[in-house]
N, C-alpha and C. Protein backbone atom coordinates (compact mmCIF):
# COMPACT_ATOMS: atom_id res chain seq x y z
N MET A 1 98.24 127.60 87.84
CA MET A 1 98.70 127.03 86.78
C MET A 1 99.10 125.88 87.41
N THR A 2 98.90 124.26 86.11
CA THR A 2 98.66 123.22 86.35
C THR A 2 100.15 122.53 86.40
N GLU A 3 100.97 121.35 87.09
CA GLU A 3 102.56 121.11 87.30
C GLU A 3 102.45 120.67 86.25
N TYR A 4 101.74 120.20 84.70
CA TYR A 4 102.10 119.87 83.37
C TYR A 4 102.21 121.13 82.88
N GLU A 5 101.54 122.33 82.96
CA GLU A 5 102.17 123.72 82.41
C GLU A 5 103.33 124.43 83.17
N LEU A 6 103.91 124.06 84.22
CA LEU A 6 105.17 124.44 84.77
C LEU A 6 106.34 123.69 84.46
N ILE A 7 105.40 122.34 84.16
CA ILE A 7 107.19 121.47 83.62
C ILE A 7 107.07 121.66 82.00
N LYS A 8 106.24 121.91 81.46
CA LYS A 8 106.54 122.63 80.16
C LYS A 8 107.65 123.93 80.16
N GLU A 9 106.56 124.75 80.96
CA GLU A 9 107.37 126.18 80.33
C GLU A 9 109.00 125.71 81.24
N GLN A 10 109.39 125.09 82.24
CA GLN A 10 110.64 124.83 82.30
C GLN A 10 111.15 123.96 81.05
N LEU A 11 110.80 123.10 80.49
CA LEU A 11 111.65 122.21 79.43
C LEU A 11 111.42 123.74 77.75
N GLU A 12 110.59 124.11 78.05
CA GLU A 12 110.57 125.32 76.91
C GLU A 12 111.80 126.31 77.24
N LYS A 13 111.80 126.58 78.04
CA LYS A 13 113.25 127.42 78.87
C LYS A 13 113.81 126.90 78.44
N ASP A 14 114.50 125.71 78.66
CA ASP A 14 115.93 124.65 79.00
C ASP A 14 116.03 125.00 77.69
N HIS A 15 115.27 124.43 76.21
CA HIS A 15 115.77 123.54 75.20
C HIS A 15 115.54 124.54 74.13
N GLN A 16 115.11 125.82 74.85
CA GLN A 16 114.70 127.40 73.53
C GLN A 16 113.95 126.54 72.57
N ARG A 17 113.18 125.64 72.51
CA ARG A 17 112.02 125.40 71.73
C ARG A 17 111.09 124.96 72.39
N ALA A 18 109.53 125.17 71.02
CA ALA A 18 108.60 124.52 71.42
C ALA A 18 108.31 123.18 71.98
N ILE A 19 107.31 122.48 73.08
CA ILE A 19 107.12 121.68 73.38
C ILE A 19 107.28 120.58 72.65
N ASP A 20 106.64 120.70 71.83
CA ASP A 20 105.75 119.83 70.49
C ASP A 20 107.26 119.27 69.83
N ASP A 21 108.17 120.25 69.49
CA ASP A 21 109.83 119.87 68.85
C ASP A 21 110.52 119.22 69.86
N ILE A 22 110.68 119.69 71.49
CA ILE A 22 111.14 118.55 72.00
C ILE A 22 110.59 117.13 71.99
N MET A 23 109.49 116.84 72.05
CA MET A 23 108.87 115.71 72.25
C MET A 23 108.88 114.87 71.17
N TYR A 24 108.90 115.40 70.41
CA TYR A 24 108.95 115.16 68.56
C TYR A 24 110.56 114.56 68.84
N GLN A 25 111.34 115.14 69.12
CA GLN A 25 113.04 114.75 69.23
C GLN A 25 112.95 113.84 70.09
N HIS A 26 112.59 113.14 71.20
CA HIS A 26 113.11 112.35 71.96
C HIS A 26 112.55 111.26 71.68
N TYR A 27 110.73 111.73 71.41
CA TYR A 27 109.84 110.50 71.30
C TYR A 27 110.06 109.84 69.75
N ILE A 28 109.88 110.11 69.27
CA ILE A 28 110.24 110.26 67.46
C ILE A 28 111.93 110.08 66.92
N GLU A 29 112.53 110.92 66.96
CA GLU A 29 113.84 111.13 66.55
C GLU A 29 114.92 109.97 67.43
N GLN A 30 115.10 110.47 68.37
CA GLN A 30 115.90 109.45 69.03
C GLN A 30 115.42 108.07 69.37
N ASP A 31 113.63 108.35 69.45
CA ASP A 31 113.09 106.50 69.70
C ASP A 31 113.54 105.81 70.83
N LEU A 32 112.46 107.37 72.13
CA LEU A 32 113.16 106.74 73.43
C LEU A 32 111.61 106.70 74.07
N GLY A 33 111.28 105.68 74.44
CA GLY A 33 110.25 105.47 75.53
C GLY A 33 110.39 106.48 76.44
N PRO A 34 108.34 106.10 77.15
CA PRO A 34 108.64 107.15 78.46
C PRO A 34 109.31 107.24 79.50
N ALA A 35 110.00 106.06 79.80
CA ALA A 35 110.76 105.97 81.07
C ALA A 35 112.06 106.65 80.51
N VAL A 36 112.45 106.22 79.68
CA VAL A 36 114.51 106.95 79.19
C VAL A 36 114.06 108.28 78.42
N GLY A 37 113.12 108.64 78.44
CA GLY A 37 113.42 109.82 77.58
C GLY A 37 112.25 110.97 78.65
N ALA A 38 111.54 110.60 80.07
CA ALA A 38 111.88 111.49 81.02
C ALA A 38 112.31 111.32 82.12
N LYS A 39 113.55 110.67 82.01
CA LYS A 39 114.58 110.32 82.78
C LYS A 39 115.93 111.18 81.96
N LYS A 40 115.79 111.02 81.01
CA LYS A 40 116.38 112.20 79.55
C LYS A 40 116.04 113.63 80.06
N LEU A 41 115.04 114.02 80.07
CA LEU A 41 114.36 115.32 80.06
C LEU A 41 114.33 115.66 81.58
N GLY A 42 114.65 115.01 82.45
CA GLY A 42 114.39 115.24 83.95
C GLY A 42 112.74 115.61 84.29
N ILE A 43 111.79 114.77 83.92
CA ILE A 43 110.54 115.05 84.44
C ILE A 43 109.99 113.51 84.61
N PRO A 44 108.99 113.54 84.73
CA PRO A 44 108.34 112.69 85.28
C PRO A 44 107.68 111.62 84.56
N ARG A 45 107.59 110.40 84.28
CA ARG A 45 107.38 109.65 83.43
C ARG A 45 105.66 109.90 82.98
N ARG A 46 104.85 110.30 84.19
CA ARG A 46 103.34 110.77 83.77
C ARG A 46 103.42 112.03 82.83
N ALA A 47 104.68 113.17 83.15
CA ALA A 47 104.44 114.17 82.09
C ALA A 47 104.84 113.75 81.03
N PHE A 48 105.70 113.20 80.78
CA PHE A 48 106.49 112.31 80.46
C PHE A 48 105.22 112.29 78.73
N VAL A 49 104.33 111.59 78.92
CA VAL A 49 103.02 110.53 78.64
C VAL A 49 102.20 111.72 78.40
N TYR A 50 102.06 112.00 79.11
CA TYR A 50 101.08 113.39 79.49
C TYR A 50 101.34 114.09 77.58
N PHE A 51 102.63 114.64 77.49
CA PHE A 51 102.77 115.44 76.21
C PHE A 51 102.91 114.58 75.10
N VAL A 52 103.18 113.39 75.12
CA VAL A 52 103.72 112.58 74.02
C VAL A 52 102.13 112.56 73.59
N GLN A 53 100.72 112.38 74.34
CA GLN A 53 99.41 112.65 74.22
C GLN A 53 98.78 113.82 73.40
N GLN A 54 99.28 115.42 74.16
CA GLN A 54 98.74 116.93 73.73
C GLN A 54 99.39 116.55 72.68
N CYS A 55 100.77 116.33 71.91
CA CYS A 55 101.23 116.77 70.96
C CYS A 55 101.07 116.09 69.28
N GLY A 56 100.38 114.68 70.27
CA GLY A 56 99.16 113.51 68.95
C GLY A 56 100.53 113.27 68.39
N LEU A 57 101.70 112.35 69.26
CA LEU A 57 102.58 111.21 68.48
C LEU A 57 102.50 110.51 68.37
N GLN A 58 100.98 109.81 69.02
CA GLN A 58 101.28 108.24 68.96
C GLN A 58 100.77 107.80 67.93
N LYS A 59 100.39 108.07 66.76
CA LYS A 59 100.35 107.96 65.38
C LYS A 59 101.86 107.62 64.77
N ASP A 60 103.30 108.88 64.45
CA ASP A 60 104.16 109.37 64.27
C ASP A 60 104.94 107.88 65.13
N LYS A 61 104.64 107.62 66.09
CA LYS A 61 105.57 106.10 66.71
C LYS A 61 105.04 104.88 66.24
N PHE A 62 103.74 104.67 66.20
CA PHE A 62 103.72 103.81 65.39
C PHE A 62 103.64 103.86 63.85
N ASP A 63 103.65 104.37 63.52
CA ASP A 63 104.08 104.63 61.95
C ASP A 63 106.13 104.49 61.55
N LEU A 64 106.36 105.04 63.02
CA LEU A 64 107.90 104.86 63.00
C LEU A 64 108.16 103.02 63.33
N ILE A 65 107.08 102.16 63.97
CA ILE A 65 107.47 101.07 64.91
C ILE A 65 107.33 100.25 63.44
N LYS A 66 106.15 100.63 62.56
CA LYS A 66 105.87 99.63 61.62
C LYS A 66 106.60 99.79 60.05
N LYS A 67 107.67 100.91 60.49
CA LYS A 67 108.59 100.67 59.01
C LYS A 67 109.31 100.28 59.81
N LYS A 68 109.75 100.29 61.03
CA LYS A 68 111.01 99.16 61.65
C LYS A 68 110.45 97.76 61.53
N VAL A 69 109.43 97.60 61.83
CA VAL A 69 109.20 95.82 61.54
C VAL A 69 109.32 95.57 59.71
N LEU A 70 108.50 96.46 58.91
CA LEU A 70 108.53 95.95 57.89
C LEU A 70 109.85 95.70 56.88
N ASN A 71 111.06 97.20 57.61
CA ASN A 71 112.60 96.68 57.44
C ASN A 71 112.84 95.72 57.83
N THR A 72 112.69 95.56 58.73
CA THR A 72 113.13 93.69 59.18
C THR A 72 112.85 92.87 58.99
N GLY A 73 111.62 92.61 58.56
CA GLY A 73 110.84 91.09 57.74
C GLY A 73 111.99 91.21 56.52
N ASP A 74 112.16 92.51 55.88
CA ASP A 74 112.44 92.76 54.27
C ASP A 74 114.47 92.42 54.44
N TRP A 75 114.82 92.21 55.20
CA TRP A 75 116.09 91.86 56.22
C TRP A 75 116.05 90.33 56.69
N MET A 76 114.72 89.56 57.26
CA MET A 76 114.79 88.63 57.73
C MET A 76 114.98 87.39 57.04
N ALA A 77 113.77 88.06 55.49
CA ALA A 77 113.41 87.82 53.98
C ALA A 77 115.18 87.19 53.05
N ALA A 78 116.12 88.13 53.21
CA ALA A 78 116.84 87.83 52.31
C ALA A 78 117.89 87.17 52.86
N LEU A 79 117.73 86.54 54.49
CA LEU A 79 118.99 85.08 54.99
C LEU A 79 117.72 83.95 54.26
């Protein structure tokens, strides 16, 4: 078993959810970056990045950032 598989098993056991759900909650819903997300989960940063890539969350994060920028632009235009 690889180090990532061991970390994945431990996270899923601790959170009682699939790795996809755990990573989505931290990376997208809570909008945590790799350093803060990894620290909160108690895993190495490189493992956090690995799971983000494995779960295919880069597009979701890009959409979240794009949405924030568009909303900020609307707010700034009102001033």
